[in-house]
Every structure is written in C-alpha cells, then in structure tokens.
Protein backbone atom coordinates (compact mmCIF):
# COMPACT_ATOMS: atom_id res chain seq x y z
CA MET A 1 294.15 49.31 -222.70
CA LYS A 2 295.52 48.70 -219.20
CA THR A 3 295.77 52.47 -218.69
CA LEU A 4 292.15 52.94 -219.78
CA VAL A 5 290.89 50.27 -217.38
CA LEU A 6 292.87 51.83 -214.53
CA PHE A 7 291.52 55.27 -215.45
CA LEU A 8 287.90 54.08 -215.46
CA LEU A 9 288.39 52.20 -212.18
CA THR A 10 289.95 55.29 -210.59
CA VAL A 11 287.09 57.52 -211.79
CA CYS A 12 284.43 55.12 -210.50
CA LEU A 13 286.17 54.72 -207.14
CA THR A 14 286.63 58.48 -206.88
CA ILE A 15 282.92 59.04 -207.47
CA VAL A 16 281.99 56.41 -204.89
CA ILE A 17 284.57 57.19 -202.19
CA LEU A 18 285.08 60.96 -202.21
CA PRO A 19 282.65 63.09 -200.23
CA ARG A 20 279.88 64.55 -202.35
CA HIS A 21 279.89 68.25 -203.14
CA SER A 22 276.25 68.41 -204.11
CA VAL A 23 273.69 70.92 -202.90
CA THR A 24 270.97 68.26 -202.86
CA ALA A 25 269.96 66.33 -199.77
CA SER A 26 270.78 62.98 -201.34
CA SER A 27 274.41 61.94 -201.58
CA ASP A 28 273.63 59.69 -204.55
CA THR A 29 272.46 62.34 -207.00
CA CYS A 30 273.68 65.46 -208.70
CA ALA A 31 272.47 68.94 -207.87
CA PRO A 32 269.38 69.68 -209.97
CA SER A 33 271.30 72.09 -212.24
CA GLU A 34 274.09 69.54 -212.79
CA ASP A 35 271.59 66.74 -213.44
CA GLN A 36 269.81 68.94 -216.00
CA ALA A 37 273.12 69.80 -217.70
CA ILE A 38 274.06 66.12 -217.97
CA ARG A 39 270.61 65.22 -219.34
CA ALA A 40 270.94 68.06 -221.85
CA ILE A 41 274.08 66.37 -223.22
CA ALA A 42 271.99 63.27 -224.02
CA ARG A 43 269.47 65.45 -225.88
CA GLN A 44 272.28 67.24 -227.77
CA TRP A 45 273.83 63.87 -228.67
CA ILE A 46 270.54 62.74 -230.25
CA ASP A 47 269.99 66.05 -232.06
CA PHE A 48 273.51 66.27 -233.49
CA TYR A 49 273.54 62.61 -234.52
CA ASN A 50 270.15 62.69 -236.22
CA GLN A 51 271.10 65.93 -238.01
CA GLY A 52 274.13 64.14 -239.46
CA ARG A 53 276.52 66.28 -237.40
CA ALA A 54 279.31 63.98 -236.25
CA ASP A 55 281.29 67.15 -235.47
CA GLY A 56 278.55 68.24 -233.07
CA VAL A 57 278.53 64.84 -231.33
CA ALA A 58 282.33 64.99 -231.06
CA SER A 59 282.13 68.46 -229.49
CA LEU A 60 280.44 66.86 -226.47
CA TYR A 61 283.65 64.91 -225.72
CA SER A 62 286.91 66.13 -224.20
CA GLU A 63 289.95 66.21 -226.50
CA ASP A 64 291.38 63.06 -224.87
CA ALA A 65 288.11 61.12 -224.55
CA TYR A 66 287.70 57.36 -224.91
CA TYR A 67 284.74 55.58 -226.51
CA LEU A 68 284.53 51.84 -225.85
CA THR A 69 282.38 49.82 -228.23
CA GLN A 70 282.01 46.29 -229.53
CA HIS A 71 281.31 47.76 -232.99
CA PHE A 72 284.97 48.66 -233.59
CA ALA A 73 287.56 45.91 -234.09
CA ASP A 74 289.96 47.36 -231.50
CA GLY A 75 287.13 48.10 -229.05
CA VAL A 76 288.61 51.48 -228.10
CA VAL A 77 288.12 54.71 -230.06
CA HIS A 78 290.43 57.55 -228.93
CA PRO A 79 290.86 60.61 -229.04
CA ARG A 80 288.06 63.00 -230.06
CA PRO A 81 288.90 63.18 -233.82
CA MET A 82 288.68 59.37 -233.97
CA ILE A 83 285.36 59.46 -232.08
CA GLN A 84 284.09 61.90 -234.70
CA ALA A 85 285.23 59.55 -237.48
CA TYR A 86 283.52 56.61 -235.75
CA VAL A 87 280.25 58.53 -235.34
CA GLN A 88 280.47 59.64 -238.97
CA ARG A 89 280.28 55.99 -240.03
CA GLY A 90 276.88 55.62 -238.33
CA VAL A 91 275.69 58.93 -239.73
CA ASP A 92 276.75 57.88 -243.24
CA ALA A 93 274.84 54.62 -242.83
CA HIS A 94 271.72 56.70 -242.01
CA TYR A 95 271.30 55.20 -238.56
CA HIS A 96 268.85 57.03 -236.32
CA ILE A 97 268.81 57.45 -232.55
CA ASP A 98 265.17 57.19 -231.50
CA ALA A 99 265.70 57.92 -227.80
CA ILE A 100 268.26 58.08 -225.03
CA ASP A 101 266.78 57.48 -221.59
CA VAL A 102 268.95 58.72 -218.72
CA LEU A 103 268.43 56.10 -216.02
CA ALA A 104 270.74 57.57 -213.35
CA THR A 105 273.28 60.31 -212.75
CA SER A 106 275.76 60.86 -209.95
CA CYS A 107 278.21 63.68 -209.32
CA ALA A 108 281.32 64.19 -207.21
CA SER A 109 283.07 67.51 -207.57
CA ASP A 110 284.21 67.84 -211.20
CA PHE A 111 283.35 64.26 -212.18
CA ALA A 112 280.00 62.66 -212.91
CA TYR A 113 278.55 59.62 -214.55
CA ALA A 114 275.32 58.80 -216.33
CA ILE A 115 273.77 55.41 -216.98
CA THR A 116 271.64 55.50 -220.13
CA ARG A 117 269.63 53.22 -222.39
CA TYR A 118 269.27 54.06 -226.04
CA HIS A 119 266.94 52.93 -228.80
CA SER A 120 267.93 53.21 -232.43
CA THR A 121 266.82 52.31 -235.91
CA ASN A 122 269.60 50.97 -238.09
CA GLY A 123 268.08 50.59 -241.52
CA THR A 124 265.04 48.41 -240.86
CA GLN A 125 266.46 46.90 -237.67
CA LYS A 126 265.55 48.23 -234.21
CA ALA A 127 268.28 48.11 -231.58
CA MET A 128 268.62 48.79 -227.87
CA GLY A 129 271.83 49.42 -225.99
CA VAL A 130 273.14 50.75 -222.73
CA ASN A 131 275.85 53.29 -221.97
CA LEU A 132 278.09 54.24 -219.09
CA VAL A 133 279.16 57.83 -219.65
CA VAL A 134 281.83 59.44 -217.45
CA LEU A 135 281.96 63.23 -217.55
CA ARG A 136 284.39 65.85 -216.28
CA LYS A 137 283.87 69.58 -215.87
CA VAL A 138 286.02 71.40 -218.39
CA ASP A 139 285.96 75.21 -218.52
CA GLY A 140 282.71 75.27 -216.51
CA GLY A 141 280.84 72.77 -218.70
CA TRP A 142 280.48 68.99 -218.70
CA ARG A 143 282.42 67.01 -221.32
CA ILE A 144 282.36 63.26 -221.89
CA VAL A 145 285.74 61.74 -221.00
CA ALA A 146 284.82 58.06 -221.27
CA HIS A 147 281.83 56.39 -222.92
CA GLU A 148 281.16 52.67 -222.95
CA ALA A 149 278.37 51.34 -225.13
CA ALA A 150 277.02 47.80 -224.98
CA VAL A 151 274.34 46.11 -227.04
CA PRO A 152 272.84 43.04 -225.36
CA ASP A 153 272.31 39.98 -227.56
CA PRO A 154 268.72 38.86 -226.90
CA ALA A 155 269.53 35.34 -228.09
CA THR A 156 272.21 34.77 -225.44
CA ALA A 157 271.36 37.29 -222.73
CA ILE A 158 269.92 36.29 -219.36
CA GLN A 159 266.22 37.01 -219.70
CA LYS A 160 265.30 37.46 -216.03
CA LEU A 161 267.08 37.83 -212.69
CA THR A 162 265.72 36.89 -209.31
CA PRO A 163 267.61 38.09 -206.22
CA GLY A 164 269.21 35.30 -204.20
CA THR A 165 269.28 32.68 -206.97
CA THR A 166 272.32 31.31 -208.73
CA ARG A 167 270.63 29.37 -211.52
C-alpha cells in the first residue's frame, strides 16, 4: 500500500512539475489528439462494461495496473487479471454505467490523468461517483495504470462549499 501511495504521488508530481510536451497553447491540457484518445477510453469502458465484457474493460488497463475502490475489502485491486475479476462481479450483478463525464484531462510526456464523474444504475438504485484515472503510453496507446473510484455518501457529504469559509 505504501508503494502504491508513493507511486501515485510520484505520478501526480511528475505531471505537475515536468515541462509539458503538448502541442496545444495551454500547459494545462493535452494535445487535442491525446485528449480525444483519453476520452475514447471512457467511451470504450462504458461500452465494454454494458456489453458484459469484463475482458474488454480489463484490456484498457496495463498489466500491472491498480484499481482503488471502497467496494473491495482490501481497497486495492491489482494486477489486471484481478481488475477483470472485480469488474466481472459488477457485470454479473447486471449493473449499468449510464454515463462517464470526463471533467478534465492533463498530459505530460507519456503520462496523463483524467478526472471523471460517472452515473450508474445498480438494480433499481441510481449512483454517482468520481474517478481519478492515471494513464501511461504503452506501445503508442494509452493504458490505465491507476484508477481510483469514490462514491460520495449524500447523507454525510458536505453539501456546499464557499471559498474562504471554514464552517
């Protein structure tokens, strides 16, 4: 677990600190082609999942990927075959991903991240969650290397934030 935290911290710091190698004018975004490729992964994730293809979802991850989730007792699912087994559980339960909204992407050389919000239907219950997805270029294509999913609890979550307040 300590290694995973250090890895994620290193990746995030690398993305923030290293000079950008993007062809866009903004240093905070990916080149249009890279942004489109990352957004395509979100669309593929939905399609594979809703088709019942846990193998397809798993193919979007690198061999040594990590998936962090509160829905697994250990909290960490690793490597890719275990991610496939985890996804298969949701597929077998007939869960459905209604949408994945990509809120932001950022790229630095062969690393990128995406911030997403997803909406799902789990039986008769609607759910919303957020994801931090770290990607690395592998053989010319983007692969997910770390994925953290979080589902806010509306009953205990802060309902509204106002800048400059502490209460």
